[in-house]
Amino acid sequence: MKFCPRCGGLMVPAGREGDSVILRCIRCGYTEKLSLEDARRLGYVVASETPREERTITTMKVSEAKRKPPKSLEEWEQEREEYREILQELLQEELEGGEE
């Protein structure tokens, strides 16, 4: 790894120019040329990008959500009554428990 001589920021590969690698500081933008051998010795890996026409695009369908049928008005009313009864019981228990 190499650090910028100006600000001490990390130098990262920014491209290639012939047989050399261009390193650029992530803080101040300072650039420096480095030979391929020196770049490998410092631990930089220089790779080229795959041309767009050689790329393979893959897609995958994970799953499809199963939709429940909509509830009828009667089911909504029944659920509301059940929740109301549970709430009343909890409130009653809290009131009775608070007096002791």
Protein backbone atom coordinates (compact mmCIF):
# COMPACT_ATOMS: atom_id res chain seq x y z
CA MET A 1 0.00 0.00 0.00
CA LYS A 2 1.18 3.48 -0.79
CA PHE A 3 0.23 6.76 0.87
CA CYS A 4 0.11 10.24 -0.65
CA PRO A 5 3.29 12.30 -0.15
CA ARG A 6 1.15 15.49 0.09
CA CYS A 7 -1.66 14.69 2.52
CA GLY A 8 -1.08 11.10 3.69
CA GLY A 9 -4.25 9.76 2.01
CA LEU A 10 -4.47 6.28 0.53
CA MET A 11 -3.27 5.93 -3.06
CA VAL A 12 -5.57 3.75 -5.18
CA PRO A 13 -5.17 2.54 -8.77
CA ALA A 14 -6.89 4.93 -11.19
CA GLY A 15 -5.90 3.33 -14.48
CA ARG A 16 -3.08 2.05 -16.66
CA GLU A 17 -0.85 3.80 -19.09
CA GLY A 18 1.32 1.40 -21.10
CA ASP A 19 3.52 -0.56 -18.68
CA SER A 20 2.75 1.65 -15.69
CA VAL A 21 -0.07 2.07 -13.22
CA ILE A 22 -1.50 5.45 -12.28
CA LEU A 23 -2.18 5.84 -8.56
CA ARG A 24 -4.49 8.58 -7.31
CA CYS A 25 -4.93 9.90 -3.77
CA ILE A 26 -8.47 9.52 -2.46
CA ARG A 27 -8.22 12.78 -0.47
CA CYS A 28 -6.47 15.39 -2.59
CA GLY A 29 -6.38 13.77 -6.06
CA TYR A 30 -2.56 13.72 -6.37
CA THR A 31 -1.50 11.27 -9.10
CA GLU A 32 1.68 9.27 -9.51
CA LYS A 33 2.92 6.74 -12.07
CA LEU A 34 4.24 3.41 -10.83
CA SER A 35 5.67 0.48 -12.81
CA LEU A 36 3.64 -2.76 -12.89
CA GLU A 37 6.35 -4.61 -10.95
CA ASP A 38 6.37 -1.99 -8.19
CA ALA A 39 2.57 -2.00 -8.05
CA ARG A 40 2.51 -5.79 -7.59
CA ARG A 41 5.28 -5.58 -4.99
CA LEU A 42 3.23 -3.02 -3.01
CA GLY A 43 0.16 -5.29 -3.13
CA TYR A 44 -1.88 -3.57 -5.83
CA VAL A 45 -3.72 -5.88 -8.20
CA VAL A 46 -4.29 -4.43 -11.63
CA ALA A 47 -7.19 -5.98 -13.52
CA SER A 48 -8.91 -4.97 -16.70
CA GLU A 49 -12.66 -4.56 -17.07
CA THR A 50 -14.59 -7.08 -19.13
CA PRO A 51 -15.98 -5.54 -22.33
CA ARG A 52 -19.74 -4.94 -22.21
CA GLU A 53 -20.49 -7.35 -25.08
CA GLU A 54 -18.69 -10.20 -23.26
CA ARG A 55 -20.62 -9.78 -20.01
CA THR A 56 -23.29 -12.29 -19.11
CA ILE A 57 -26.45 -10.95 -17.54
CA THR A 58 -28.34 -13.37 -15.33
CA THR A 59 -31.64 -12.93 -13.57
CA MET A 60 -33.48 -15.15 -11.17
CA LYS A 61 -37.05 -15.22 -9.92
CA VAL A 62 -36.87 -15.98 -6.22
CA SER A 63 -40.52 -16.47 -5.37
CA GLU A 64 -43.89 -15.01 -5.94
CA ALA A 65 -45.94 -13.77 -3.03
CA LYS A 66 -49.11 -15.72 -2.36
CA ARG A 67 -51.99 -13.36 -1.85
CA LYS A 68 -54.67 -14.10 0.68
CA PRO A 69 -58.23 -13.52 -0.41
CA PRO A 70 -59.64 -10.28 0.98
CA LYS A 71 -61.53 -10.57 4.24
CA SER A 72 -65.25 -10.17 4.29
CA LEU A 73 -66.99 -7.54 6.39
CA GLU A 74 -68.12 -10.24 8.82
CA GLU A 75 -64.52 -11.42 9.37
CA TRP A 76 -63.38 -7.83 10.04
CA GLU A 77 -66.19 -7.34 12.56
CA GLN A 78 -65.37 -10.63 14.31
CA GLU A 79 -61.67 -9.75 14.59
CA ARG A 80 -62.50 -6.30 15.91
CA GLU A 81 -64.73 -7.80 18.60
CA GLU A 82 -62.02 -10.30 19.62
CA TYR A 83 -59.43 -7.53 19.93
CA ARG A 84 -61.88 -5.41 21.90
CA GLU A 85 -62.56 -8.26 24.35
CA ILE A 86 -58.82 -8.90 24.82
CA LEU A 87 -58.18 -5.19 25.40
CA GLN A 88 -60.97 -4.98 27.97
CA GLU A 89 -59.61 -8.03 29.82
CA LEU A 90 -56.10 -6.56 29.90
CA LEU A 91 -57.37 -3.21 31.14
CA GLN A 92 -59.47 -4.89 33.82
CA GLU A 93 -56.48 -6.96 35.01
CA GLU A 94 -54.31 -3.83 35.12
CA LEU A 95 -56.91 -1.90 37.13
CA GLU A 96 -57.42 -4.76 39.58
CA GLY A 97 -53.67 -5.31 39.91
CA GLY A 98 -52.99 -1.61 40.51
CA GLU A 99 -55.24 -1.39 43.60
CA GLU A 100 -53.37 -4.02 45.61
